[in-house]
Amino acid sequence: MRRDRTLINLPFVMGGFVISPSHLRENLPCQDACAYKVSQNKVIVAVADGHGSASKSSEGATFVVKL
């Protein structure tokens, strides 16, 4: 089997988040956000913690990572 060497140099990005049990109990959305952009084989990553006690924290975190 032949390997394609061009795939080795490509960036690999993966992100995720978990809604905490307290958010589930209180019916609150996840208040964290992440985003990335690949440009010229480089990766720019943005991560925001919505700070759960703040009003509209999920919207703020999502807004910030999309700038």
PDB file of N, CA and C in Angstrom:
ATOM      1  N   MET A   1       0.840  -1.172   0.000  1.00  0.00           N
ATOM      2  CA  MET A   1       0.000   0.000   0.000  1.00  0.00           C
ATOM      3  C   MET A   1       0.895   1.248   0.000  1.00  0.00           C
ATOM      4  N   ARG A   2       0.558   2.215  -0.806  1.00  0.00           N
ATOM      5  CA  ARG A   2       1.317   3.458  -0.934  1.00  0.00           C
ATOM      6  C   ARG A   2       0.677   4.545  -0.070  1.00  0.00           C
ATOM      7  N   ARG A   3       1.480   5.282   0.655  1.00  0.00           N
ATOM      8  CA  ARG A   3       0.975   6.402   1.450  1.00  0.00           C
ATOM      9  C   ARG A   3       1.095   7.692   0.662  1.00  0.00           C
ATOM     10  N   ASP A   4       0.106   8.540   0.802  1.00  0.00           N
ATOM     11  CA  ASP A   4       0.145   9.856   0.157  1.00  0.00           C
ATOM     12  C   ASP A   4       0.810  10.826   1.121  1.00  0.00           C
ATOM     13  N   ARG A   5       2.037  11.206   0.858  1.00  0.00           N
ATOM     14  CA  ARG A   5       2.819  12.062   1.759  1.00  0.00           C
ATOM     15  C   ARG A   5       2.231  13.467   1.884  1.00  0.00           C
ATOM     16  N   THR A   6       1.417  13.908   0.932  1.00  0.00           N
ATOM     17  CA  THR A   6       0.864  15.263   1.013  1.00  0.00           C
ATOM     18  C   THR A   6      -0.108  15.397   2.178  1.00  0.00           C
ATOM     19  N   LEU A   7      -0.739  14.315   2.619  1.00  0.00           N
ATOM     20  CA  LEU A   7      -1.691  14.388   3.718  1.00  0.00           C
ATOM     21  C   LEU A   7      -1.011  14.587   5.068  1.00  0.00           C
ATOM     22  N   ILE A   8       0.251  14.229   5.188  1.00  0.00           N
ATOM     23  CA  ILE A   8       0.963  14.336   6.464  1.00  0.00           C
ATOM     24  C   ILE A   8       1.119  15.791   6.899  1.00  0.00           C
ATOM     25  N   ASN A   9       1.259  16.708   5.972  1.00  0.00           N
ATOM     26  CA  ASN A   9       1.518  18.105   6.307  1.00  0.00           C
ATOM     27  C   ASN A   9       0.257  18.936   6.528  1.00  0.00           C
ATOM     28  N   LEU A  10      -0.908  18.348   6.377  1.00  0.00           N
ATOM     29  CA  LEU A  10      -2.138  19.101   6.579  1.00  0.00           C
ATOM     30  C   LEU A  10      -2.453  19.228   8.064  1.00  0.00           C
ATOM     31  N   PRO A  11      -2.930  20.406   8.505  1.00  0.00           N
ATOM     32  CA  PRO A  11      -3.304  20.555   9.917  1.00  0.00           C
ATOM     33  C   PRO A  11      -4.540  19.728  10.243  1.00  0.00           C
ATOM     34  N   PHE A  12      -4.597  19.237  11.457  1.00  0.00           N
ATOM     35  CA  PHE A  12      -5.742  18.475  11.941  1.00  0.00           C
ATOM     36  C   PHE A  12      -6.280  19.207  13.159  1.00  0.00           C
ATOM     37  N   VAL A  13      -7.551  19.561  13.128  1.00  0.00           N
ATOM     38  CA  VAL A  13      -8.158  20.323  14.223  1.00  0.00           C
ATOM     39  C   VAL A  13      -9.404  19.583  14.703  1.00  0.00           C
ATOM     40  N   MET A  14      -9.554  19.512  16.017  1.00  0.00           N
ATOM     41  CA  MET A  14     -10.741  18.897  16.583  1.00  0.00           C
ATOM     42  C   MET A  14     -11.082  19.662  17.860  1.00  0.00           C
ATOM     43  N   GLY A  15     -12.364  19.920  18.071  1.00  0.00           N
ATOM     44  CA  GLY A  15     -12.782  20.621  19.281  1.00  0.00           C
ATOM     45  C   GLY A  15     -14.073  20.037  19.812  1.00  0.00           C
ATOM     46  N   GLY A  16     -14.352  20.321  21.045  1.00  0.00           N
ATOM     47  CA  GLY A  16     -15.589  19.829  21.622  1.00  0.00           C
ATOM     48  C   GLY A  16     -15.837  20.471  22.975  1.00  0.00           C
ATOM     49  N   PHE A  17     -17.018  20.247  23.481  1.00  0.00           N
ATOM     50  CA  PHE A  17     -17.375  20.770  24.792  1.00  0.00           C
ATOM     51  C   PHE A  17     -18.442  19.884  25.384  1.00  0.00           C
ATOM     52  N   VAL A  18     -18.603  20.000  26.687  1.00  0.00           N
ATOM     53  CA  VAL A  18     -19.578  19.189  27.409  1.00  0.00           C
ATOM     54  C   VAL A  18     -20.409  20.116  28.281  1.00  0.00           C
ATOM     55  N   ILE A  19     -21.716  19.945  28.240  1.00  0.00           N
ATOM     56  CA  ILE A  19     -22.600  20.724  29.106  1.00  0.00           C
ATOM     57  C   ILE A  19     -22.542  20.111  30.502  1.00  0.00           C
ATOM     58  N   SER A  20     -22.277  20.937  31.496  1.00  0.00           N
ATOM     59  CA  SER A  20     -22.111  20.426  32.858  1.00  0.00           C
ATOM     60  C   SER A  20     -23.448  19.974  33.448  1.00  0.00           C
ATOM     61  N   PRO A  21     -23.395  19.095  34.445  1.00  0.00           N
ATOM     62  CA  PRO A  21     -24.633  18.645  35.096  1.00  0.00           C
ATOM     63  C   PRO A  21     -25.458  19.800  35.677  1.00  0.00           C
ATOM     64  N   SER A  22     -24.791  20.821  36.214  1.00  0.00           N
ATOM     65  CA  SER A  22     -25.546  21.954  36.769  1.00  0.00           C
ATOM     66  C   SER A  22     -26.289  22.718  35.676  1.00  0.00           C
ATOM     67  N   HIS A  23     -25.696  22.820  34.497  1.00  0.00           N
ATOM     68  CA  HIS A  23     -26.379  23.468  33.378  1.00  0.00           C
ATOM     69  C   HIS A  23     -27.590  22.647  32.941  1.00  0.00           C
ATOM     70  N   LEU A  24     -27.431  21.334  32.946  1.00  0.00           N
ATOM     71  CA  LEU A  24     -28.550  20.465  32.579  1.00  0.00           C
ATOM     72  C   LEU A  24     -29.695  20.583  33.593  1.00  0.00           C
ATOM     73  N   ARG A  25     -29.349  20.586  34.882  1.00  0.00           N
ATOM     74  CA  ARG A  25     -30.381  20.703  35.923  1.00  0.00           C
ATOM     75  C   ARG A  25     -31.144  22.013  35.817  1.00  0.00           C
ATOM     76  N   GLU A  26     -30.409  23.085  35.492  1.00  0.00           N
ATOM     77  CA  GLU A  26     -31.023  24.414  35.438  1.00  0.00           C
ATOM     78  C   GLU A  26     -31.503  24.788  34.042  1.00  0.00           C
ATOM     79  N   ASN A  27     -31.423  23.824  33.095  1.00  0.00           N
ATOM     80  CA  ASN A  27     -31.859  24.043  31.713  1.00  0.00           C
ATOM     81  C   ASN A  27     -31.160  25.234  31.059  1.00  0.00           C
ATOM     82  N   LEU A  28     -29.829  25.305  31.255  1.00  0.00           N
ATOM     83  CA  LEU A  28     -29.013  26.373  30.667  1.00  0.00           C
ATOM     84  C   LEU A  28     -28.235  25.821  29.482  1.00  0.00           C
ATOM     85  N   PRO A  29     -27.959  26.663  28.486  1.00  0.00           N
ATOM     86  CA  PRO A  29     -27.165  26.198  27.344  1.00  0.00           C
ATOM     87  C   PRO A  29     -25.687  26.098  27.716  1.00  0.00           C
ATOM     88  N   CYS A  30     -24.928  25.421  26.893  1.00  0.00           N
ATOM     89  CA  CYS A  30     -23.475  25.433  27.056  1.00  0.00           C
ATOM     90  C   CYS A  30     -23.015  26.870  26.825  1.00  0.00           C
ATOM     91  N   GLN A  31     -22.117  27.344  27.660  1.00  0.00           N
ATOM     92  CA  GLN A  31     -21.700  28.741  27.569  1.00  0.00           C
ATOM     93  C   GLN A  31     -20.250  28.887  27.126  1.00  0.00           C
ATOM     94  N   ASP A  32     -19.717  27.866  26.512  1.00  0.00           N
ATOM     95  CA  ASP A  32     -18.361  27.886  25.980  1.00  0.00           C
ATOM     96  C   ASP A  32     -18.444  27.826  24.457  1.00  0.00           C
ATOM     97  N   ALA A  33     -17.411  28.303  23.798  1.00  0.00           N
ATOM     98  CA  ALA A  33     -17.405  28.272  22.335  1.00  0.00           C
ATOM     99  C   ALA A  33     -15.976  28.124  21.828  1.00  0.00           C
ATOM    100  N   CYS A  34     -15.841  27.544  20.653  1.00  0.00           N
ATOM    101  CA  CYS A  34     -14.534  27.466  20.005  1.00  0.00           C
ATOM    102  C   CYS A  34     -14.731  27.568  18.499  1.00  0.00           C
ATOM    103  N   ALA A  35     -13.693  28.032  17.843  1.00  0.00           N
ATOM    104  CA  ALA A  35     -13.716  28.156  16.388  1.00  0.00           C
ATOM    105  C   ALA A  35     -12.280  28.059  15.885  1.00  0.00           C
ATOM    106  N   TYR A  36     -12.118  27.737  14.620  1.00  0.00           N
ATOM    107  CA  TYR A  36     -10.779  27.683  14.047  1.00  0.00           C
ATOM    108  C   TYR A  36     -10.825  28.098  12.581  1.00  0.00           C
ATOM    109  N   LYS A  37      -9.651  28.469  12.087  1.00  0.00           N
ATOM    110  CA  LYS A  37      -9.495  28.805  10.675  1.00  0.00           C
ATOM    111  C   LYS A  37      -8.155  28.243  10.227  1.00  0.00           C
ATOM    112  N   VAL A  38      -8.152  27.596   9.070  1.00  0.00           N
ATOM    113  CA  VAL A  38      -6.921  27.077   8.485  1.00  0.00           C
ATOM    114  C   VAL A  38      -6.529  28.000   7.348  1.00  0.00           C
ATOM    115  N   SER A  39      -5.302  28.469   7.393  1.00  0.00           N
ATOM    116  CA  SER A  39      -4.810  29.378   6.363  1.00  0.00           C
ATOM    117  C   SER A  39      -3.348  29.052   6.077  1.00  0.00           C
ATOM    118  N   GLN A  40      -3.048  28.703   4.867  1.00  0.00           N
ATOM    119  CA  GLN A  40      -1.680  28.393   4.444  1.00  0.00           C
ATOM    120  C   GLN A  40      -1.016  27.374   5.362  1.00  0.00           C
ATOM    121  N   ASN A  41      -1.708  26.267   5.604  1.00  0.00           N
ATOM    122  CA  ASN A  41      -1.218  25.180   6.457  1.00  0.00           C
ATOM    123  C   ASN A  41      -0.926  25.604   7.888  1.00  0.00           C
ATOM    124  N   LYS A  42      -1.538  26.692   8.340  1.00  0.00           N
ATOM    125  CA  LYS A  42      -1.444  27.112   9.732  1.00  0.00           C
ATOM    126  C   LYS A  42      -2.853  27.162  10.293  1.00  0.00           C
ATOM    127  N   VAL A  43      -2.974  26.955  11.591  1.00  0.00           N
ATOM    128  CA  VAL A  43      -4.281  26.932  12.228  1.00  0.00           C
ATOM    129  C   VAL A  43      -4.363  28.046  13.262  1.00  0.00           C
ATOM    130  N   ILE A  44      -5.447  28.804  13.208  1.00  0.00           N
ATOM    131  CA  ILE A  44      -5.737  29.823  14.214  1.00  0.00           C
ATOM    132  C   ILE A  44      -6.924  29.301  15.014  1.00  0.00           C
ATOM    133  N   VAL A  45      -6.767  29.229  16.329  1.00  0.00           N
ATOM    134  CA  VAL A  45      -7.806  28.674  17.195  1.00  0.00           C
ATOM    135  C   VAL A  45      -8.247  29.732  18.194  1.00  0.00           C
ATOM    136  N   ALA A  46      -9.556  29.860  18.389  1.00  0.00           N
ATOM    137  CA  ALA A  46     -10.117  30.770  19.395  1.00  0.00           C
ATOM    138  C   ALA A  46     -10.998  29.957  20.337  1.00  0.00           C
ATOM    139  N   VAL A  47     -10.823  30.180  21.641  1.00  0.00           N
ATOM    140  CA  VAL A  47     -11.590  29.476  22.659  1.00  0.00           C
ATOM    141  C   VAL A  47     -12.117  30.513  23.642  1.00  0.00           C
ATOM    142  N   ALA A  48     -13.396  30.405  24.007  1.00  0.00           N
ATOM    143  CA  ALA A  48     -13.984  31.362  24.957  1.00  0.00           C
ATOM    144  C   ALA A  48     -14.804  30.621  26.001  1.00  0.00           C
ATOM    145  N   ASP A  49     -14.596  30.989  27.243  1.00  0.00           N
ATOM    146  CA  ASP A  49     -15.389  30.470  28.357  1.00  0.00           C
ATOM    147  C   ASP A  49     -16.454  31.515  28.651  1.00  0.00           C
ATOM    148  N   GLY A  50     -17.704  31.141  28.541  1.00  0.00           N
ATOM    149  CA  GLY A  50     -18.798  32.101  28.687  1.00  0.00           C
ATOM    150  C   GLY A  50     -19.053  32.606  30.088  1.00  0.00           C
ATOM    151  N   HIS A  51     -18.375  32.087  31.095  1.00  0.00           N
ATOM    152  CA  HIS A  51     -18.547  32.507  32.488  1.00  0.00           C
ATOM    153  C   HIS A  51     -20.017  32.418  32.890  1.00  0.00           C
ATOM    154  N   GLY A  52     -20.404  31.242  33.318  1.00  0.00           N
ATOM    155  CA  GLY A  52     -21.782  30.868  33.560  1.00  0.00           C
ATOM    156  C   GLY A  52     -22.670  31.815  34.327  1.00  0.00           C
ATOM    157  N   SER A  53     -22.123  32.618  35.221  1.00  0.00           N
ATOM    158  CA  SER A  53     -23.001  33.484  36.012  1.00  0.00           C
ATOM    159  C   SER A  53     -23.355  34.779  35.292  1.00  0.00           C
ATOM    160  N   ALA A  54     -22.719  35.048  34.165  1.00  0.00           N
ATOM    161  CA  ALA A  54     -22.958  36.298  33.448  1.00  0.00           C
ATOM    162  C   ALA A  54     -24.191  36.191  32.546  1.00  0.00           C
ATOM    163  N   SER A  55     -24.913  37.273  32.435  1.00  0.00           N
ATOM    164  CA  SER A  55     -26.070  37.324  31.555  1.00  0.00           C
ATOM    165  C   SER A  55     -25.622  37.208  30.096  1.00  0.00           C
ATOM    166  N   LYS A  56     -26.299  36.371  29.320  1.00  0.00           N
ATOM    167  CA  LYS A  56     -26.013  36.169  27.888  1.00  0.00           C
ATOM    168  C   LYS A  56     -24.590  35.694  27.626  1.00  0.00           C
ATOM    169  N   SER A  57     -24.040  34.913  28.541  1.00  0.00           N
ATOM    170  CA  SER A  57     -22.652  34.467  28.393  1.00  0.00           C
ATOM    171  C   SER A  57     -22.444  33.557  27.184  1.00  0.00           C
ATOM    172  N   SER A  58     -23.434  32.743  26.851  1.00  0.00           N
ATOM    173  CA  SER A  58     -23.264  31.869  25.679  1.00  0.00           C
ATOM    174  C   SER A  58     -23.198  32.684  24.392  1.00  0.00           C
ATOM    175  N   GLU A  59     -24.024  33.725  24.294  1.00  0.00           N
ATOM    176  CA  GLU A  59     -23.990  34.581  23.097  1.00  0.00           C
ATOM    177  C   GLU A  59     -22.667  35.337  23.005  1.00  0.00           C
ATOM    178  N   GLY A  60     -22.156  35.791  24.135  1.00  0.00           N
ATOM    179  CA  GLY A  60     -20.879  36.513  24.141  1.00  0.00           C
ATOM    180  C   GLY A  60     -19.725  35.634  23.725  1.00  0.00           C
ATOM    181  N   ALA A  61     -19.670  34.402  24.240  1.00  0.00           N
ATOM    182  CA  ALA A  61     -18.596  33.487  23.879  1.00  0.00           C
ATOM    183  C   ALA A  61     -18.630  33.160  22.393  1.00  0.00           C
ATOM    184  N   THR A  62     -19.825  32.923  21.866  1.00  0.00           N
ATOM    185  CA  THR A  62     -19.951  32.613  20.434  1.00  0.00           C
ATOM    186  C   THR A  62     -19.542  33.818  19.583  1.00  0.00           C
ATOM    187  N   PHE A  63     -19.927  35.016  19.973  1.00  0.00           N
ATOM    188  CA  PHE A  63     -19.580  36.226  19.242  1.00  0.00           C
ATOM    189  C   PHE A  63     -18.066  36.424  19.183  1.00  0.00           C
ATOM    190  N   VAL A  64     -17.409  36.237  20.311  1.00  0.00           N
ATOM    191  CA  VAL A  64     -15.971  36.490  20.391  1.00  0.00           C
ATOM    192  C   VAL A  64     -15.173  35.548  19.501  1.00  0.00           C
ATOM    193  N   VAL A  65     -15.512  34.276  19.468  1.00  0.00           N
ATOM    194  CA  VAL A  65     -14.712  33.340  18.665  1.00  0.00           C
ATOM    195  C   VAL A  65     -14.950  33.516  17.173  1.00  0.00           C
ATOM    196  N   LYS A  66     -16.007  34.186  16.787  1.00  0.00           N
ATOM    197  CA  LYS A  66     -16.292  34.378  15.354  1.00  0.00           C
ATOM    198  C   LYS A  66     -15.755  35.687  14.810  1.00  0.00           C
ATOM    199  N   LEU A  67     -15.088  36.486  15.626  1.00  0.00           N
ATOM    200  CA  LEU A  67     -14.513  37.760  15.150  1.00  0.00           C
ATOM    201  C   LEU A  67     -13.411  37.526  14.147  1.00  0.00           C
TER     202      LEU A  67
END
